Amino acid sequence: MGFIGFVVLGLIAGAIAKMILPGKQGGGWFATLILGIIGAVVGGWVGSLMFNEPLSDFWSLWTWVMAIVGSLIVLLVWGLLTKNRKTA
């Protein structure tokens, strides 16, 4: 999968993860893009370690599931890290 495909996958996976996870998450499209790309990397890493299936094909259901699961993990961790921050 090329760089552009990975960016598109990350953006969509991050948006889906934000829709799945309840609550209010801050950030716009750029934060969603970064979250999704990091999540796709995490999902690909976990998938390759646990199931020996890397993120390789853009149209593979496995690729999408692992990218979304990775994005959910990253979103949960980010929420825990920023939980006690107060906005002005």
PDB file of N, CA and C in Angstrom:
ATOM      1  N   MET A   1       0.857  -1.167   0.000  1.00  0.00           N
ATOM      2  CA  MET A   1       0.000   0.000   0.000  1.00  0.00           C
ATOM      3  C   MET A   1       0.899   1.225   0.000  1.00  0.00           C
ATOM      4  N   GLY A   2       0.571   2.176  -0.831  1.00  0.00           N
ATOM      5  CA  GLY A   2       1.365   3.383  -0.942  1.00  0.00           C
ATOM      6  C   GLY A   2       1.075   4.386   0.157  1.00  0.00           C
ATOM      7  N   PHE A   3       1.832   5.465   0.149  1.00  0.00           N
ATOM      8  CA  PHE A   3       1.708   6.502   1.171  1.00  0.00           C
ATOM      9  C   PHE A   3       0.327   7.147   1.146  1.00  0.00           C
ATOM     10  N   ILE A   4      -0.166   7.489  -0.032  1.00  0.00           N
ATOM     11  CA  ILE A   4      -1.477   8.135  -0.146  1.00  0.00           C
ATOM     12  C   ILE A   4      -2.573   7.186   0.345  1.00  0.00           C
ATOM     13  N   GLY A   5      -2.487   5.925  -0.001  1.00  0.00           N
ATOM     14  CA  GLY A   5      -3.454   4.938   0.472  1.00  0.00           C
ATOM     15  C   GLY A   5      -3.441   4.820   1.986  1.00  0.00           C
ATOM     16  N   PHE A   6      -2.247   4.876   2.572  1.00  0.00           N
ATOM     17  CA  PHE A   6      -2.114   4.789   4.016  1.00  0.00           C
ATOM     18  C   PHE A   6      -2.725   6.017   4.686  1.00  0.00           C
ATOM     19  N   VAL A   7      -2.548   7.202   4.102  1.00  0.00           N
ATOM     20  CA  VAL A   7      -3.127   8.432   4.644  1.00  0.00           C
ATOM     21  C   VAL A   7      -4.656   8.384   4.563  1.00  0.00           C
ATOM     22  N   VAL A   8      -5.188   7.936   3.424  1.00  0.00           N
ATOM     23  CA  VAL A   8      -6.642   7.831   3.275  1.00  0.00           C
ATOM     24  C   VAL A   8      -7.194   6.802   4.264  1.00  0.00           C
ATOM     25  N   LEU A   9      -6.534   5.660   4.379  1.00  0.00           N
ATOM     26  CA  LEU A   9      -6.942   4.638   5.334  1.00  0.00           C
ATOM     27  C   LEU A   9      -6.941   5.203   6.755  1.00  0.00           C
ATOM     28  N   GLY A  10      -5.902   5.932   7.112  1.00  0.00           N
ATOM     29  CA  GLY A  10      -5.800   6.521   8.444  1.00  0.00           C
ATOM     30  C   GLY A  10      -6.887   7.540   8.716  1.00  0.00           C
ATOM     31  N   LEU A  11      -7.203   8.376   7.739  1.00  0.00           N
ATOM     32  CA  LEU A  11      -8.236   9.388   7.916  1.00  0.00           C
ATOM     33  C   LEU A  11      -9.600   8.746   8.132  1.00  0.00           C
ATOM     34  N   ILE A  12      -9.926   7.768   7.319  1.00  0.00           N
ATOM     35  CA  ILE A  12     -11.227   7.109   7.435  1.00  0.00           C
ATOM     36  C   ILE A  12     -11.304   6.264   8.710  1.00  0.00           C
ATOM     37  N   ALA A  13     -10.239   5.537   9.025  1.00  0.00           N
ATOM     38  CA  ALA A  13     -10.227   4.713  10.240  1.00  0.00           C
ATOM     39  C   ALA A  13     -10.329   5.588  11.484  1.00  0.00           C
ATOM     40  N   GLY A  14      -9.652   6.719  11.498  1.00  0.00           N
ATOM     41  CA  GLY A  14      -9.742   7.635  12.635  1.00  0.00           C
ATOM     42  C   GLY A  14     -11.136   8.213  12.801  1.00  0.00           C
ATOM     43  N   ALA A  15     -11.790   8.557  11.688  1.00  0.00           N
ATOM     44  CA  ALA A  15     -13.156   9.086  11.745  1.00  0.00           C
ATOM     45  C   ALA A  15     -14.129   8.024  12.253  1.00  0.00           C
ATOM     46  N   ILE A  16     -13.967   6.794  11.789  1.00  0.00           N
ATOM     47  CA  ILE A  16     -14.838   5.709  12.244  1.00  0.00           C
ATOM     48  C   ILE A  16     -14.612   5.444  13.731  1.00  0.00           C
ATOM     49  N   ALA A  17     -13.364   5.467  14.171  1.00  0.00           N
ATOM     50  CA  ALA A  17     -13.066   5.243  15.589  1.00  0.00           C
ATOM     51  C   ALA A  17     -13.695   6.333  16.453  1.00  0.00           C
ATOM     52  N   LYS A  18     -13.676   7.586  15.981  1.00  0.00           N
ATOM     53  CA  LYS A  18     -14.304   8.671  16.729  1.00  0.00           C
ATOM     54  C   LYS A  18     -15.819   8.503  16.794  1.00  0.00           C
ATOM     55  N   MET A  19     -16.413   7.942  15.745  1.00  0.00           N
ATOM     56  CA  MET A  19     -17.853   7.705  15.767  1.00  0.00           C
ATOM     57  C   MET A  19     -18.220   6.544  16.690  1.00  0.00           C
ATOM     58  N   ILE A  20     -17.370   5.527  16.760  1.00  0.00           N
ATOM     59  CA  ILE A  20     -17.653   4.354  17.588  1.00  0.00           C
ATOM     60  C   ILE A  20     -17.512   4.678  19.066  1.00  0.00           C
ATOM     61  N   LEU A  21     -16.471   5.401  19.426  1.00  0.00           N
ATOM     62  CA  LEU A  21     -16.182   5.680  20.831  1.00  0.00           C
ATOM     63  C   LEU A  21     -17.102   6.779  21.351  1.00  0.00           C
ATOM     64  N   PRO A  22     -17.839   6.511  22.427  1.00  0.00           N
ATOM     65  CA  PRO A  22     -18.743   7.538  22.947  1.00  0.00           C
ATOM     66  C   PRO A  22     -17.981   8.669  23.615  1.00  0.00           C
ATOM     67  N   GLY A  23     -18.632   9.792  23.726  1.00  0.00           N
ATOM     68  CA  GLY A  23     -18.023  10.940  24.382  1.00  0.00           C
ATOM     69  C   GLY A  23     -17.575  11.973  23.375  1.00  0.00           C
ATOM     70  N   LYS A  24     -17.075  13.073  23.911  1.00  0.00           N
ATOM     71  CA  LYS A  24     -16.640  14.176  23.057  1.00  0.00           C
ATOM     72  C   LYS A  24     -15.127  14.148  22.934  1.00  0.00           C
ATOM     73  N   GLN A  25     -14.668  13.934  21.717  1.00  0.00           N
ATOM     74  CA  GLN A  25     -13.240  13.997  21.456  1.00  0.00           C
ATOM     75  C   GLN A  25     -12.963  15.296  20.699  1.00  0.00           C
ATOM     76  N   GLY A  26     -11.950  15.967  21.138  1.00  0.00           N
ATOM     77  CA  GLY A  26     -11.589  17.207  20.477  1.00  0.00           C
ATOM     78  C   GLY A  26     -10.789  16.951  19.217  1.00  0.00           C
ATOM     79  N   GLY A  27     -10.481  18.003  18.536  1.00  0.00           N
ATOM     80  CA  GLY A  27      -9.655  17.891  17.343  1.00  0.00           C
ATOM     81  C   GLY A  27     -10.477  17.916  16.077  1.00  0.00           C
ATOM     82  N   GLY A  28      -9.903  18.445  15.068  1.00  0.00           N
ATOM     83  CA  GLY A  28     -10.560  18.510  13.780  1.00  0.00           C
ATOM     84  C   GLY A  28     -10.086  17.399  12.862  1.00  0.00           C
ATOM     85  N   TRP A  29     -10.130  17.690  11.568  1.00  0.00           N
ATOM     86  CA  TRP A  29      -9.778  16.661  10.585  1.00  0.00           C
ATOM     87  C   TRP A  29      -8.300  16.314  10.660  1.00  0.00           C
ATOM     88  N   PHE A  30      -7.439  17.280  11.004  1.00  0.00           N
ATOM     89  CA  PHE A  30      -6.003  16.992  11.073  1.00  0.00           C
ATOM     90  C   PHE A  30      -5.691  16.065  12.249  1.00  0.00           C
ATOM     91  N   ALA A  31      -6.322  16.321  13.399  1.00  0.00           N
ATOM     92  CA  ALA A  31      -6.133  15.436  14.560  1.00  0.00           C
ATOM     93  C   ALA A  31      -6.665  14.043  14.249  1.00  0.00           C
ATOM     94  N   THR A  32      -7.794  13.977  13.537  1.00  0.00           N
ATOM     95  CA  THR A  32      -8.357  12.690  13.145  1.00  0.00           C
ATOM     96  C   THR A  32      -7.408  11.960  12.207  1.00  0.00           C
ATOM     97  N   LEU A  33      -6.789  12.683  11.286  1.00  0.00           N
ATOM     98  CA  LEU A  33      -5.824  12.096  10.363  1.00  0.00           C
ATOM     99  C   LEU A  33      -4.631  11.521  11.120  1.00  0.00           C
ATOM    100  N   ILE A  34      -4.071  12.287  12.031  1.00  0.00           N
ATOM    101  CA  ILE A  34      -2.923  11.832  12.807  1.00  0.00           C
ATOM    102  C   ILE A  34      -3.306  10.629  13.665  1.00  0.00           C
ATOM    103  N   LEU A  35      -4.462  10.720  14.337  1.00  0.00           N
ATOM    104  CA  LEU A  35      -4.960   9.604  15.139  1.00  0.00           C
ATOM    105  C   LEU A  35      -5.118   8.349  14.296  1.00  0.00           C
ATOM    106  N   GLY A  36      -5.706   8.496  13.123  1.00  0.00           N
ATOM    107  CA  GLY A  36      -5.933   7.348  12.254  1.00  0.00           C
ATOM    108  C   GLY A  36      -4.657   6.739  11.721  1.00  0.00           C
ATOM    109  N   ILE A  37      -3.694   7.569  11.358  1.00  0.00           N
ATOM    110  CA  ILE A  37      -2.419   7.047  10.853  1.00  0.00           C
ATOM    111  C   ILE A  37      -1.676   6.310  11.964  1.00  0.00           C
ATOM    112  N   ILE A  38      -1.631   6.912  13.155  1.00  0.00           N
ATOM    113  CA  ILE A  38      -0.988   6.230  14.278  1.00  0.00           C
ATOM    114  C   ILE A  38      -1.745   4.948  14.606  1.00  0.00           C
ATOM    115  N   GLY A  39      -3.084   5.015  14.563  1.00  0.00           N
ATOM    116  CA  GLY A  39      -3.894   3.837  14.826  1.00  0.00           C
ATOM    117  C   GLY A  39      -3.687   2.740  13.803  1.00  0.00           C
ATOM    118  N   ALA A  40      -3.554   3.117  12.544  1.00  0.00           N
ATOM    119  CA  ALA A  40      -3.296   2.129  11.505  1.00  0.00           C
ATOM    120  C   ALA A  40      -1.938   1.458  11.718  1.00  0.00           C
ATOM    121  N   VAL A  41      -0.951   2.240  12.142  1.00  0.00           N
ATOM    122  CA  VAL A  41       0.360   1.666  12.435  1.00  0.00           C
ATOM    123  C   VAL A  41       0.260   0.710  13.624  1.00  0.00           C
ATOM    124  N   VAL A  42      -0.433   1.153  14.678  1.00  0.00           N
ATOM    125  CA  VAL A  42      -0.612   0.292  15.857  1.00  0.00           C
ATOM    126  C   VAL A  42      -1.383  -0.969  15.475  1.00  0.00           C
ATOM    127  N   GLY A  43      -2.467  -0.810  14.728  1.00  0.00           N
ATOM    128  CA  GLY A  43      -3.263  -1.954  14.300  1.00  0.00           C
ATOM    129  C   GLY A  43      -2.472  -2.912  13.427  1.00  0.00           C
ATOM    130  N   GLY A  44      -1.662  -2.377  12.531  1.00  0.00           N
ATOM    131  CA  GLY A  44      -0.825  -3.225  11.693  1.00  0.00           C
ATOM    132  C   GLY A  44       0.230  -3.962  12.493  1.00  0.00           C
ATOM    133  N   TRP A  45       0.788  -3.280  13.470  1.00  0.00           N
ATOM    134  CA  TRP A  45       1.800  -3.903  14.313  1.00  0.00           C
ATOM    135  C   TRP A  45       1.187  -5.025  15.151  1.00  0.00           C
ATOM    136  N   VAL A  46       0.046  -4.730  15.795  1.00  0.00           N
ATOM    137  CA  VAL A  46      -0.623  -5.748  16.610  1.00  0.00           C
ATOM    138  C   VAL A  46      -1.080  -6.924  15.738  1.00  0.00           C
ATOM    139  N   GLY A  47      -1.638  -6.612  14.565  1.00  0.00           N
ATOM    140  CA  GLY A  47      -2.088  -7.667  13.665  1.00  0.00           C
ATOM    141  C   GLY A  47      -0.955  -8.552  13.179  1.00  0.00           C
ATOM    142  N   SER A  48       0.186  -7.943  12.897  1.00  0.00           N
ATOM    143  CA  SER A  48       1.317  -8.751  12.430  1.00  0.00           C
ATOM    144  C   SER A  48       1.916  -9.585  13.555  1.00  0.00           C
ATOM    145  N   LEU A  49       1.862  -9.073  14.785  1.00  0.00           N
ATOM    146  CA  LEU A  49       2.385  -9.847  15.914  1.00  0.00           C
ATOM    147  C   LEU A  49       1.460 -10.988  16.309  1.00  0.00           C
ATOM    148  N   MET A  50       0.173 -10.692  16.397  1.00  0.00           N
ATOM    149  CA  MET A  50      -0.773 -11.692  16.911  1.00  0.00           C
ATOM    150  C   MET A  50      -1.239 -12.683  15.838  1.00  0.00           C
ATOM    151  N   PHE A  51      -1.471 -12.177  14.630  1.00  0.00           N
ATOM    152  CA  PHE A  51      -2.104 -13.013  13.608  1.00  0.00           C
ATOM    153  C   PHE A  51      -1.240 -13.218  12.365  1.00  0.00           C
ATOM    154  N   ASN A  52      -0.036 -12.640  12.364  1.00  0.00           N
ATOM    155  CA  ASN A  52       0.871 -12.737  11.224  1.00  0.00           C
ATOM    156  C   ASN A  52       0.225 -12.211   9.945  1.00  0.00           C
ATOM    157  N   GLU A  53      -0.543 -11.125  10.074  1.00  0.00           N
ATOM    158  CA  GLU A  53      -1.228 -10.497   8.947  1.00  0.00           C
ATOM    159  C   GLU A  53      -0.915  -9.003   8.933  1.00  0.00           C
ATOM    160  N   PRO A  54       0.004  -8.538   8.118  1.00  0.00           N
ATOM    161  CA  PRO A  54       0.305  -7.108   8.071  1.00  0.00           C
ATOM    162  C   PRO A  54      -0.740  -6.339   7.261  1.00  0.00           C
ATOM    163  N   LEU A  55      -0.716  -5.015   7.383  1.00  0.00           N
ATOM    164  CA  LEU A  55      -1.572  -4.164   6.563  1.00  0.00           C
ATOM    165  C   LEU A  55      -0.923  -4.045   5.192  1.00  0.00           C
ATOM    166  N   SER A  56      -1.464  -4.746   4.228  1.00  0.00           N
ATOM    167  CA  SER A  56      -0.799  -4.739   2.929  1.00  0.00           C
ATOM    168  C   SER A  56      -1.711  -4.319   1.790  1.00  0.00           C
ATOM    169  N   ASP A  57      -2.980  -4.683   1.831  1.00  0.00           N
ATOM    170  CA  ASP A  57      -3.889  -4.399   0.730  1.00  0.00           C
ATOM    171  C   ASP A  57      -4.951  -3.416   1.191  1.00  0.00           C
ATOM    172  N   PHE A  58      -5.110  -2.315   0.476  1.00  0.00           N
ATOM    173  CA  PHE A  58      -6.054  -1.268   0.844  1.00  0.00           C
ATOM    174  C   PHE A  58      -7.482  -1.787   0.904  1.00  0.00           C
ATOM    175  N   TRP A  59      -7.871  -2.665   0.019  1.00  0.00           N
ATOM    176  CA  TRP A  59      -9.246  -3.142  -0.073  1.00  0.00           C
ATOM    177  C   TRP A  59      -9.520  -4.379   0.760  1.00  0.00           C
ATOM    178  N   SER A  60      -8.580  -4.812   1.560  1.00  0.00           N
ATOM    179  CA  SER A  60      -8.764  -5.988   2.406  1.00  0.00           C
ATOM    180  C   SER A  60      -9.570  -5.618   3.654  1.00  0.00           C
ATOM    181  N   LEU A  61     -10.563  -6.436   3.983  1.00  0.00           N
ATOM    182  CA  LEU A  61     -11.358  -6.207   5.187  1.00  0.00           C
ATOM    183  C   LEU A  61     -10.471  -6.262   6.428  1.00  0.00           C
ATOM    184  N   TRP A  62      -9.516  -7.190   6.440  1.00  0.00           N
ATOM    185  CA  TRP A  62      -8.583  -7.316   7.561  1.00  0.00           C
ATOM    186  C   TRP A  62      -7.816  -6.012   7.796  1.00  0.00           C
ATOM    187  N   THR A  63      -7.376  -5.360   6.731  1.00  0.00           N
ATOM    188  CA  THR A  63      -6.654  -4.099   6.847  1.00  0.00           C
ATOM    189  C   THR A  63      -7.521  -3.053   7.533  1.00  0.00           C
ATOM    190  N   TRP A  64      -8.765  -2.950   7.114  1.00  0.00           N
ATOM    191  CA  TRP A  64      -9.673  -1.945   7.674  1.00  0.00           C
ATOM    192  C   TRP A  64     -10.003  -2.235   9.136  1.00  0.00           C
ATOM    193  N   VAL A  65     -10.261  -3.492   9.453  1.00  0.00           N
ATOM    194  CA  VAL A  65     -10.591  -3.850  10.836  1.00  0.00           C
ATOM    195  C   VAL A  65      -9.416  -3.531  11.755  1.00  0.00           C
ATOM    196  N   MET A  66      -8.228  -3.917  11.364  1.00  0.00           N
ATOM    197  CA  MET A  66      -7.061  -3.671  12.207  1.00  0.00           C
ATOM    198  C   MET A  66      -6.750  -2.172  12.324  1.00  0.00           C
ATOM    199  N   ALA A  67      -6.950  -1.407  11.271  1.00  0.00           N
ATOM    200  CA  ALA A  67      -6.719   0.036  11.338  1.00  0.00           C
ATOM    201  C   ALA A  67      -7.730   0.702  12.271  1.00  0.00           C
ATOM    202  N   ILE A  68      -8.978   0.266  12.218  1.00  0.00           N
ATOM    203  CA  ILE A  68     -10.000   0.847  13.088  1.00  0.00           C
ATOM    204  C   ILE A  68      -9.758   0.450  14.543  1.00  0.00           C
ATOM    205  N   VAL A  69      -9.422  -0.814  14.783  1.00  0.00           N
ATOM    206  CA  VAL A  69      -9.120  -1.261  16.146  1.00  0.00           C
ATOM    207  C   VAL A  69      -7.902  -0.505  16.687  1.00  0.00           C
ATOM    208  N   GLY A  70      -6.890  -0.347  15.875  1.00  0.00           N
ATOM    209  CA  GLY A  70      -5.716   0.415  16.295  1.00  0.00           C
ATOM    210  C   GLY A  70      -6.062   1.860  16.598  1.00  0.00           C
ATOM    211  N   SER A  71      -6.932   2.466  15.796  1.00  0.00           N
ATOM    212  CA  SER A  71      -7.357   3.842  16.034  1.00  0.00           C
ATOM    213  C   SER A  71      -8.158   3.954  17.327  1.00  0.00           C
ATOM    214  N   LEU A  72      -8.987   2.962  17.608  1.00  0.00           N
ATOM    215  CA  LEU A  72      -9.728   2.957  18.875  1.00  0.00           C
ATOM    216  C   LEU A  72      -8.770   2.887  20.062  1.00  0.00           C
ATOM    217  N   ILE A  73      -7.741   2.049  19.950  1.00  0.00           N
ATOM    218  CA  ILE A  73      -6.753   1.938  21.021  1.00  0.00           C
ATOM    219  C   ILE A  73      -6.041   3.271  21.231  1.00  0.00           C
ATOM    220  N   VAL A  74      -5.619   3.886  20.150  1.00  0.00           N
ATOM    221  CA  VAL A  74      -4.917   5.174  20.247  1.00  0.00           C
ATOM    222  C   VAL A  74      -5.848   6.241  20.818  1.00  0.00           C
ATOM    223  N   LEU A  75      -7.108   6.256  20.403  1.00  0.00           N
ATOM    224  CA  LEU A  75      -8.071   7.235  20.909  1.00  0.00           C
ATOM    225  C   LEU A  75      -8.315   7.039  22.405  1.00  0.00           C
ATOM    226  N   LEU A  76      -8.429   5.793  22.850  1.00  0.00           N
ATOM    227  CA  LEU A  76      -8.604   5.517  24.281  1.00  0.00           C
ATOM    228  C   LEU A  76      -7.397   5.992  25.093  1.00  0.00           C
ATOM    229  N   VAL A  77      -6.212   5.682  24.611  1.00  0.00           N
ATOM    230  CA  VAL A  77      -4.992   6.107  25.315  1.00  0.00           C
ATOM    231  C   VAL A  77      -4.898   7.631  25.338  1.00  0.00           C
ATOM    232  N   TRP A  78      -5.197   8.274  24.221  1.00  0.00           N
ATOM    233  CA  TRP A  78      -5.154   9.734  24.155  1.00  0.00           C
ATOM    234  C   TRP A  78      -6.176  10.348  25.112  1.00  0.00           C
ATOM    235  N   GLY A  79      -7.355   9.750  25.200  1.00  0.00           N
ATOM    236  CA  GLY A  79      -8.371  10.234  26.127  1.00  0.00           C
ATOM    237  C   GLY A  79      -7.930  10.103  27.574  1.00  0.00           C
ATOM    238  N   LEU A  80      -7.260   9.006  27.904  1.00  0.00           N
ATOM    239  CA  LEU A  80      -6.759   8.837  29.269  1.00  0.00           C
ATOM    240  C   LEU A  80      -5.642   9.828  29.590  1.00  0.00           C
ATOM    241  N   LEU A  81      -4.803  10.122  28.618  1.00  0.00           N
ATOM    242  CA  LEU A  81      -3.697  11.061  28.847  1.00  0.00           C
ATOM    243  C   LEU A  81      -4.176  12.496  28.989  1.00  0.00           C
ATOM    244  N   THR A  82      -5.229  12.864  28.285  1.00  0.00           N
ATOM    245  CA  THR A  82      -5.718  14.246  28.293  1.00  0.00           C
ATOM    246  C   THR A  82      -6.966  14.410  29.153  1.00  0.00           C
ATOM    247  N   LYS A  83      -7.301  13.422  29.939  1.00  0.00           N
ATOM    248  CA  LYS A  83      -8.525  13.427  30.746  1.00  0.00           C
ATOM    249  C   LYS A  83      -8.560  14.576  31.756  1.00  0.00           C
ATOM    250  N   ASN A  84      -7.461  14.849  32.388  1.00  0.00           N
ATOM    251  CA  ASN A  84      -7.437  15.847  33.473  1.00  0.00           C
ATOM    252  C   ASN A  84      -7.093  17.251  32.994  1.00  0.00           C
ATOM    253  N   ARG A  85      -6.972  17.438  31.706  1.00  0.00           N
ATOM    254  CA  ARG A  85      -6.678  18.792  31.204  1.00  0.00           C
ATOM    255  C   ARG A  85      -7.920  19.647  31.277  1.00  0.00           C
ATOM    256  N   LYS A  86      -7.724  20.883  31.684  1.00  0.00           N
ATOM    257  CA  LYS A  86      -8.843  21.825  31.749  1.00  0.00           C
ATOM    258  C   LYS A  86      -8.727  22.802  30.596  1.00  0.00           C
ATOM    259  N   THR A  87      -9.848  23.066  29.953  1.00  0.00           N
ATOM    260  CA  THR A  87      -9.851  24.042  28.861  1.00  0.00           C
ATOM    261  C   THR A  87     -10.155  25.416  29.415  1.00  0.00           C
ATOM    262  N   ALA A  88      -9.576  26.422  28.806  1.00  0.00           N
ATOM    263  CA  ALA A  88      -9.756  27.788  29.282  1.00  0.00           C
ATOM    264  C   ALA A  88     -11.017  28.399  28.782  1.00  0.00           C
TER     265      ALA A  88
END
